Amino acid sequence: MIKIVNYGSGNIQAILNIYKQLNIECFVASTPEELSDSTKLILPGVGAFDETMQELLDSGFQTELDRLVLEKKIPVMGICVGMQILAKSSDEGKLSGLGYVDGHVKKFDSLFFEEKPHIPHLGWNSINPTKEHPIFENIDFERGFYFLHTYYFSCTSIENRLASTYYGLEYSSAVNNDNVFGMQFHPEKSHSNGVQLFKNFANL
């Protein structure tokens, strides 16, 4: 069963509504124990890096996530800040991330932009897949997805970049490491593309 990890951050109801529309079973896990029978995991995210990591630590979710993702190889998808906490560290805070994807989260540099407003990256933007993957099946890449973020994921290895987006610089808008996926955009706000992405994740 798909489990959405409820650690106090993210558009959980919007994700639930999409899976209900798709007639795919999905459950919100509010305790680590409720993750035990997961077949897929979703880490939603709206907020700051340290705040989100602290919530994971305080709730006890991190230990169970490590067991499921690293040992049992359960597929996990992080969204926005849920993607950024997959990294090892962030310019936004001092706490360590989950470290499931080797990388560091950086803040957009205003020097990249000629016009204002430039931060945050807000609104629709296209994505450019850097490799073929079933999670992008039937996605309209030109239409793209809805973004809202001030920090971006910098992969240590380009091999972990699943898609890129240009916003002042070319950055990783989607990352992947084996069973781990991260999406910087908000698929739950991205209409048909977002619905398709959630469907594809369920079918992995």
Protein backbone atom coordinates (compact mmCIF):
# COMPACT_ATOMS: atom_id res chain seq x y z
CA MET A 1 0.00 0.00 0.00
CA ILE A 2 1.13 3.55 -0.74
CA LYS A 3 1.77 5.45 2.48
CA ILE A 4 2.09 9.23 2.78
CA VAL A 5 4.37 10.07 5.68
CA ASN A 6 2.59 12.61 7.88
CA TYR A 7 5.31 14.50 9.70
CA GLY A 8 3.46 17.81 9.70
CA SER A 9 4.51 19.11 6.30
CA GLY A 10 2.96 19.01 2.86
CA ASN A 11 -0.24 18.96 0.83
CA ILE A 12 -1.36 15.55 2.03
CA GLN A 13 -5.05 15.92 1.23
CA ALA A 14 -4.32 16.93 -2.37
CA ILE A 15 -2.25 13.75 -2.86
CA LEU A 16 -4.98 11.62 -1.28
CA ASN A 17 -7.57 13.18 -3.60
CA ILE A 18 -5.49 12.31 -6.66
CA TYR A 19 -5.11 8.67 -5.65
CA LYS A 20 -8.83 8.49 -4.87
CA GLN A 21 -9.48 9.84 -8.37
CA LEU A 22 -7.18 7.13 -9.74
CA ASN A 23 -8.92 4.48 -7.62
CA ILE A 24 -5.56 3.56 -6.06
CA GLU A 25 -5.41 2.76 -2.36
CA CYS A 26 -3.41 5.27 -0.35
CA PHE A 27 -3.08 5.79 3.39
CA VAL A 28 -1.69 8.55 5.63
CA ALA A 29 0.81 7.22 8.18
CA SER A 30 0.99 9.38 11.31
CA THR A 31 3.25 7.05 13.31
CA PRO A 32 6.32 5.00 12.36
CA GLU A 33 4.41 1.80 13.15
CA GLU A 34 1.87 2.61 10.44
CA LEU A 35 4.60 2.42 7.79
CA SER A 36 5.35 -1.26 8.38
CA ASP A 37 3.25 -2.68 5.51
CA SER A 38 4.15 0.04 2.96
CA THR A 39 4.83 -0.90 -0.64
CA LYS A 40 5.52 2.73 -1.65
CA LEU A 41 6.32 5.84 0.40
CA ILE A 42 5.70 9.52 -0.28
CA LEU A 43 7.48 12.32 1.60
CA PRO A 44 5.45 15.51 1.07
CA GLY A 45 7.06 18.81 1.89
CA VAL A 46 6.23 22.45 2.42
CA GLY A 47 8.58 24.40 4.65
CA ALA A 48 12.20 24.61 5.73
CA PHE A 49 14.88 21.90 5.66
CA ASP A 50 15.83 21.87 9.37
CA GLU A 51 12.22 22.15 10.49
CA THR A 52 11.24 19.17 8.34
CA MET A 53 14.21 17.06 9.45
CA GLN A 54 13.52 17.89 13.10
CA GLU A 55 9.92 16.75 12.68
CA LEU A 56 11.17 13.45 11.20
CA LEU A 57 13.57 12.97 14.11
CA ASP A 58 11.09 13.93 16.82
CA SER A 59 8.37 11.68 15.40
CA GLY A 60 10.66 8.66 15.14
CA PHE A 61 9.99 8.34 11.41
CA GLN A 62 13.62 8.53 10.30
CA THR A 63 14.65 5.18 11.82
CA GLU A 64 11.74 3.37 10.18
CA LEU A 65 12.30 5.16 6.87
CA ASP A 66 15.94 4.07 6.87
CA ARG A 67 14.89 0.47 7.45
CA LEU A 68 12.27 0.48 4.70
CA VAL A 69 14.17 2.49 2.09
CA LEU A 70 17.75 1.34 2.66
CA GLU A 71 17.21 -2.26 3.80
CA LYS A 72 13.90 -3.34 2.22
CA LYS A 73 14.33 -1.11 -0.86
CA ILE A 74 10.77 0.22 -0.73
CA PRO A 75 10.33 2.94 -3.41
CA VAL A 76 10.09 6.43 -1.93
CA MET A 77 9.26 9.75 -3.59
CA GLY A 78 10.08 13.07 -1.95
CA ILE A 79 8.25 16.21 -3.08
CA CYS A 80 9.69 19.75 -2.82
CA VAL A 81 11.24 19.92 0.69
CA GLY A 82 10.54 16.18 0.84
CA MET A 83 12.99 15.92 -2.07
CA GLN A 84 15.54 18.25 -0.50
CA ILE A 85 15.77 16.23 2.72
CA LEU A 86 16.90 13.26 0.60
CA ALA A 87 20.24 15.09 0.30
CA LYS A 88 23.07 14.95 2.80
CA SER A 89 22.90 18.61 3.78
CA SER A 90 21.47 22.03 2.93
CA ASP A 91 22.48 25.68 2.89
CA GLU A 92 19.12 26.32 4.55
CA GLY A 93 19.98 24.59 7.81
CA LYS A 94 22.50 22.83 10.01
CA LEU A 95 20.93 19.39 10.41
CA SER A 96 21.97 16.42 8.27
CA GLY A 97 19.53 15.21 5.66
CA LEU A 98 18.51 11.60 5.07
CA GLY A 99 21.40 11.15 2.65
CA TYR A 100 19.53 8.78 0.32
CA VAL A 101 20.84 10.74 -2.70
CA ASP A 102 24.37 12.11 -2.61
CA GLY A 103 24.08 15.86 -2.89
CA HIS A 104 23.73 19.23 -1.20
CA VAL A 105 20.86 21.71 -1.30
CA LYS A 106 21.87 25.23 -2.39
CA LYS A 107 20.11 28.59 -2.49
CA PHE A 108 19.52 30.27 -5.83
CA ASP A 109 22.06 33.05 -6.26
CA SER A 110 20.46 36.38 -7.23
CA LEU A 111 23.45 37.03 -9.50
CA PHE A 112 22.02 34.40 -11.88
CA PHE A 113 19.05 36.63 -12.72
CA GLU A 114 18.79 39.75 -14.85
CA GLU A 115 15.20 40.63 -13.96
CA LYS A 116 13.16 40.68 -10.76
CA PRO A 117 11.32 39.05 -9.11
CA HIS A 118 13.66 36.09 -9.31
CA ILE A 119 13.35 34.24 -5.99
CA PRO A 120 11.49 32.10 -5.25
CA HIS A 121 11.14 30.08 -8.43
CA LEU A 122 7.36 30.32 -8.68
CA GLY A 123 4.96 28.98 -11.29
CA TRP A 124 5.01 26.56 -14.21
CA ASN A 125 8.22 25.45 -15.86
CA SER A 126 9.23 22.68 -18.23
CA ILE A 127 11.46 19.76 -17.25
CA ASN A 128 14.07 18.04 -19.39
CA PRO A 129 14.49 14.32 -18.66
CA THR A 130 18.14 13.29 -18.61
CA LYS A 131 17.34 9.59 -18.85
CA GLU A 132 14.38 7.42 -19.73
CA HIS A 133 12.41 6.15 -16.76
CA PRO A 134 8.89 4.70 -16.31
CA ILE A 135 8.07 7.39 -13.76
CA PHE A 136 7.94 9.86 -16.67
CA GLU A 137 5.71 7.77 -18.92
CA ASN A 138 3.13 9.92 -20.78
CA ILE A 139 4.37 13.15 -19.20
CA ASP A 140 4.15 16.37 -21.24
CA PHE A 141 7.65 17.73 -20.59
CA GLU A 142 7.03 21.07 -22.33
CA ARG A 143 3.99 21.80 -20.19
CA GLY A 144 6.01 20.74 -17.18
CA PHE A 145 5.04 21.20 -13.55
CA TYR A 146 4.28 23.81 -10.91
CA PHE A 147 7.27 25.00 -8.86
CA LEU A 148 7.63 26.99 -5.64
CA HIS A 149 11.11 26.97 -4.10
CA THR A 150 14.12 29.08 -3.14
CA TYR A 151 16.63 26.23 -2.80
CA TYR A 152 17.62 23.58 -5.32
CA PHE A 153 19.20 20.11 -5.22
CA SER A 154 22.81 19.90 -6.41
CA CYS A 155 23.73 16.28 -7.15
CA THR A 156 27.26 15.12 -6.40
CA SER A 157 27.01 12.76 -9.37
CA ILE A 158 25.20 13.67 -12.58
CA GLU A 159 24.09 10.03 -12.67
CA ASN A 160 21.54 10.86 -9.97
CA ARG A 161 19.92 13.58 -12.06
CA LEU A 162 16.63 12.33 -13.49
CA ALA A 163 15.49 15.64 -14.99
CA SER A 164 16.76 19.21 -15.19
CA THR A 165 15.07 22.61 -15.32
CA TYR A 166 16.51 25.97 -16.28
CA TYR A 167 16.00 28.83 -13.85
CA GLY A 168 19.04 31.08 -13.92
CA LEU A 169 21.06 27.88 -14.13
CA GLU A 170 20.45 24.27 -15.10
CA TYR A 171 19.60 22.39 -11.90
CA SER A 172 18.23 18.98 -10.93
CA SER A 173 14.45 19.22 -10.81
CA ALA A 174 14.15 15.44 -10.34
CA VAL A 175 16.65 13.01 -8.83
CA ASN A 176 16.90 9.25 -8.52
CA ASN A 177 19.08 6.73 -6.73
CA ASP A 178 17.84 3.16 -7.17
CA ASN A 179 14.48 3.07 -5.31
CA VAL A 180 14.67 6.72 -4.24
CA PHE A 181 13.00 9.52 -6.23
CA GLY A 182 12.84 13.25 -5.61
CA MET A 183 10.71 15.85 -7.39
CA GLN A 184 11.43 19.54 -6.76
CA PHE A 185 8.09 20.58 -8.28
CA HIS A 186 4.63 20.01 -6.83
CA PRO A 187 2.88 17.25 -8.81
CA GLU A 188 -0.20 17.62 -6.57
CA LYS A 189 -0.60 21.14 -8.07
CA SER A 190 0.31 20.20 -11.63
CA HIS A 191 -3.02 19.02 -13.04
CA SER A 192 -2.87 16.18 -15.59
CA ASN A 193 0.93 15.88 -15.50
CA GLY A 194 0.85 15.54 -11.74
CA VAL A 195 -1.91 12.92 -11.83
CA GLN A 196 0.09 10.94 -14.39
CA LEU A 197 3.25 11.14 -12.28
CA PHE A 198 1.47 9.81 -9.18
CA LYS A 199 -0.03 7.03 -11.32
CA ASN A 200 3.40 6.15 -12.70
CA PHE A 201 4.92 6.04 -9.21
CA ALA A 202 2.15 3.70 -8.05
CA ASN A 203 2.92 1.40 -10.99
CA LEU A 204 6.69 1.14 -10.39
